[in-house]
C-alpha atoms as a PDB file:
ATOM      1  CA  MET A   1      -9.951   3.208  -1.259  1.00  0.00           C
ATOM      2  CA  LYS A   2      -8.845  -0.037  -0.345  1.00  0.00           C
ATOM      3  CA  VAL A   3      -5.301  -1.728  -0.817  1.00  0.00           C
ATOM      4  CA  VAL A   4      -4.578  -5.432  -0.185  1.00  0.00           C
ATOM      5  CA  THR A   5      -1.120  -6.679   0.885  1.00  0.00           C
ATOM      6  CA  TYR A   6       0.295  -9.951   1.402  1.00  0.00           C
ATOM      7  CA  GLY A   7       2.876 -10.750   3.869  1.00  0.00           C
ATOM      8  CA  SER A   8       3.936 -11.900   7.381  1.00  0.00           C
ATOM      9  CA  GLY A   9       0.555 -12.094   9.375  1.00  0.00           C
ATOM     10  CA  SER A  10       2.371 -10.812  12.583  1.00  0.00           C
ATOM     11  CA  CYS A  11       4.486  -7.999  10.802  1.00  0.00           C
ATOM     12  CA  PRO A  12       2.137  -6.619   8.192  1.00  0.00           C
ATOM     13  CA  ALA A  13       3.215  -3.859   5.912  1.00  0.00           C
ATOM     14  CA  THR A  14       1.956  -0.231   6.930  1.00  0.00           C
ATOM     15  CA  ALA A  15       1.599   2.683   4.471  1.00  0.00           C
ATOM     16  CA  THR A  16       3.927   5.184   5.513  1.00  0.00           C
ATOM     17  CA  ALA A  17       3.454   7.835   2.716  1.00  0.00           C
ATOM     18  CA  ILE A  18       0.680   8.643   0.202  1.00  0.00           C
ATOM     19  CA  GLU A  19       1.228  11.171  -2.671  1.00  0.00           C
ATOM     20  CA  ASN A  20      -1.621  12.174  -5.230  1.00  0.00           C
ATOM     21  CA  ASP A  21      -0.896  14.413  -7.958  1.00  0.00           C
ATOM     22  CA  GLY A  22      -4.221  14.038  -9.627  1.00  0.00           C
ATOM     23  CA  SER A  23      -2.660  11.871 -12.519  1.00  0.00           C
ATOM     24  CA  LEU A  24      -0.961   9.094 -10.367  1.00  0.00           C
ATOM     25  CA  LEU A  25      -1.222   7.767  -6.789  1.00  0.00           C
ATOM     26  CA  VAL A  26       1.839   6.518  -4.969  1.00  0.00           C
ATOM     27  CA  ILE A  27       1.724   4.558  -1.855  1.00  0.00           C
ATOM     28  CA  VAL A  28       4.697   3.585   0.070  1.00  0.00           C
ATOM     29  CA  PHE A  29       4.622   0.662   2.545  1.00  0.00           C
ATOM     30  CA  GLU A  30       7.038  -0.411   4.839  1.00  0.00           C
ATOM     31  CA  VAL A  31       7.289  -3.491   7.210  1.00  0.00           C
ATOM     32  CA  ASP A  32       8.450  -3.271  11.039  1.00  0.00           C
ATOM     33  CA  ALA A  33      10.215  -6.605  11.371  1.00  0.00           C
ATOM     34  CA  ALA A  34      11.941  -5.534  14.472  1.00  0.00           C
ATOM     35  CA  GLY A  35      10.340  -8.541  16.442  1.00  0.00           C
ATOM     36  CA  PRO A  36       9.445 -12.008  15.350  1.00  0.00           C
ATOM     37  CA  CYS A  37       7.723 -12.433  12.467  1.00  0.00           C
ATOM     38  CA  THR A  38       5.574 -15.545  11.218  1.00  0.00           C
ATOM     39  CA  ALA A  39       6.731 -17.051   7.683  1.00  0.00           C
ATOM     40  CA  ASP A  40       3.171 -17.193   6.360  1.00  0.00           C
ATOM     41  CA  MET A  41       1.345 -15.129   3.433  1.00  0.00           C
ATOM     42  CA  ALA A  42      -1.623 -13.362   4.964  1.00  0.00           C
ATOM     43  CA  PRO A  43      -3.615 -10.513   3.174  1.00  0.00           C
ATOM     44  CA  THR A  44      -4.046  -7.038   5.162  1.00  0.00           C
ATOM     45  CA  THR A  45      -6.414  -4.628   3.884  1.00  0.00           C
ATOM     46  CA  HIS A  46      -5.538  -1.265   4.245  1.00  0.00           C
ATOM     47  CA  SER A  47      -8.533   1.398   3.968  1.00  0.00           C
ATOM     48  CA  PHE A  48      -7.535   4.972   2.950  1.00  0.00           C
ATOM     49  CA  SER A  49     -10.020   7.801   3.172  1.00  0.00           C
ATOM     50  CA  ALA A  50     -10.590  10.729   0.932  1.00  0.00           C
ATOM     51  CA  GLU A  51      -8.679  13.009   3.425  1.00  0.00           C
ATOM     52  CA  HIS A  52      -5.387  10.758   2.883  1.00  0.00           C
ATOM     53  CA  VAL A  53      -5.888  10.088  -0.743  1.00  0.00           C
ATOM     54  CA  GLY A  54      -7.503  13.167  -2.147  1.00  0.00           C
ATOM     55  CA  GLU A  55     -10.675  13.856  -3.629  1.00  0.00           C
ATOM     56  CA  VAL A  56      -9.507  12.902  -7.249  1.00  0.00           C
ATOM     57  CA  ILE A  57      -8.556   9.353  -7.670  1.00  0.00           C
ATOM     58  CA  PRO A  58      -6.428   8.603 -10.860  1.00  0.00           C
ATOM     59  CA  ASP A  59      -6.551   5.599 -12.862  1.00  0.00           C
ATOM     60  CA  LYS A  60      -3.385   4.209 -12.021  1.00  0.00           C
ATOM     61  CA  ALA A  61      -1.307   3.933  -8.719  1.00  0.00           C
ATOM     62  CA  VAL A  62       2.389   2.910  -7.854  1.00  0.00           C
ATOM     63  CA  VAL A  63       2.663   0.661  -4.924  1.00  0.00           C
ATOM     64  CA  VAL A  64       6.214   0.876  -3.360  1.00  0.00           C
ATOM     65  CA  PHE A  65       8.030  -1.279  -1.099  1.00  0.00           C
ATOM     66  CA  PRO A  66      11.436   0.397  -0.488  1.00  0.00           C
ATOM     67  CA  GLU A  67      12.944  -2.472   1.888  1.00  0.00           C
ATOM     68  CA  ILE A  68      12.903  -4.988  -0.949  1.00  0.00           C
ATOM     69  CA  ASN A  69      13.424  -2.489  -3.919  1.00  0.00           C
ATOM     70  CA  GLU A  70       9.921  -3.110  -5.791  1.00  0.00           C
ATOM     71  CA  GLU A  71       7.408  -1.132  -7.283  1.00  0.00           C
ATOM     72  CA  HIS A  72       4.385  -2.125  -8.866  1.00  0.00           C
ATOM     73  CA  VAL A  73       1.929  -0.219 -11.228  1.00  0.00           C
ATOM     74  CA  VAL A  74      -1.729  -1.123 -10.576  1.00  0.00           C
ATOM     75  CA  ASP A  75      -4.950  -0.141 -12.109  1.00  0.00           C
ATOM     76  CA  ILE A  76      -7.337   1.336  -9.628  1.00  0.00           C
ATOM     77  CA  ILE A  77     -10.691  -0.394  -9.853  1.00  0.00           C
ATOM     78  CA  ARG A  78     -13.791   1.682  -9.031  1.00  0.00           C
ATOM     79  CA  GLY A  79     -16.849  -0.066  -7.930  1.00  0.00           C
END
């Protein structure tokens, strides 16, 4: 499974937690902005194996960015 996030190219978001109860997948992303970060909007593709996501992939996912208090419910597209 792949997820694309946008943000600083020099301080990209990192997945810190993945939970899957079979009906909803939750992925938590955090940014380590300890160093200098560029002010661009670069895409970062995150690849997750079945080992991390689970064998059953639900139809919906919640992508969470706790540092900016945002949650986004997205459809999971197969193909």
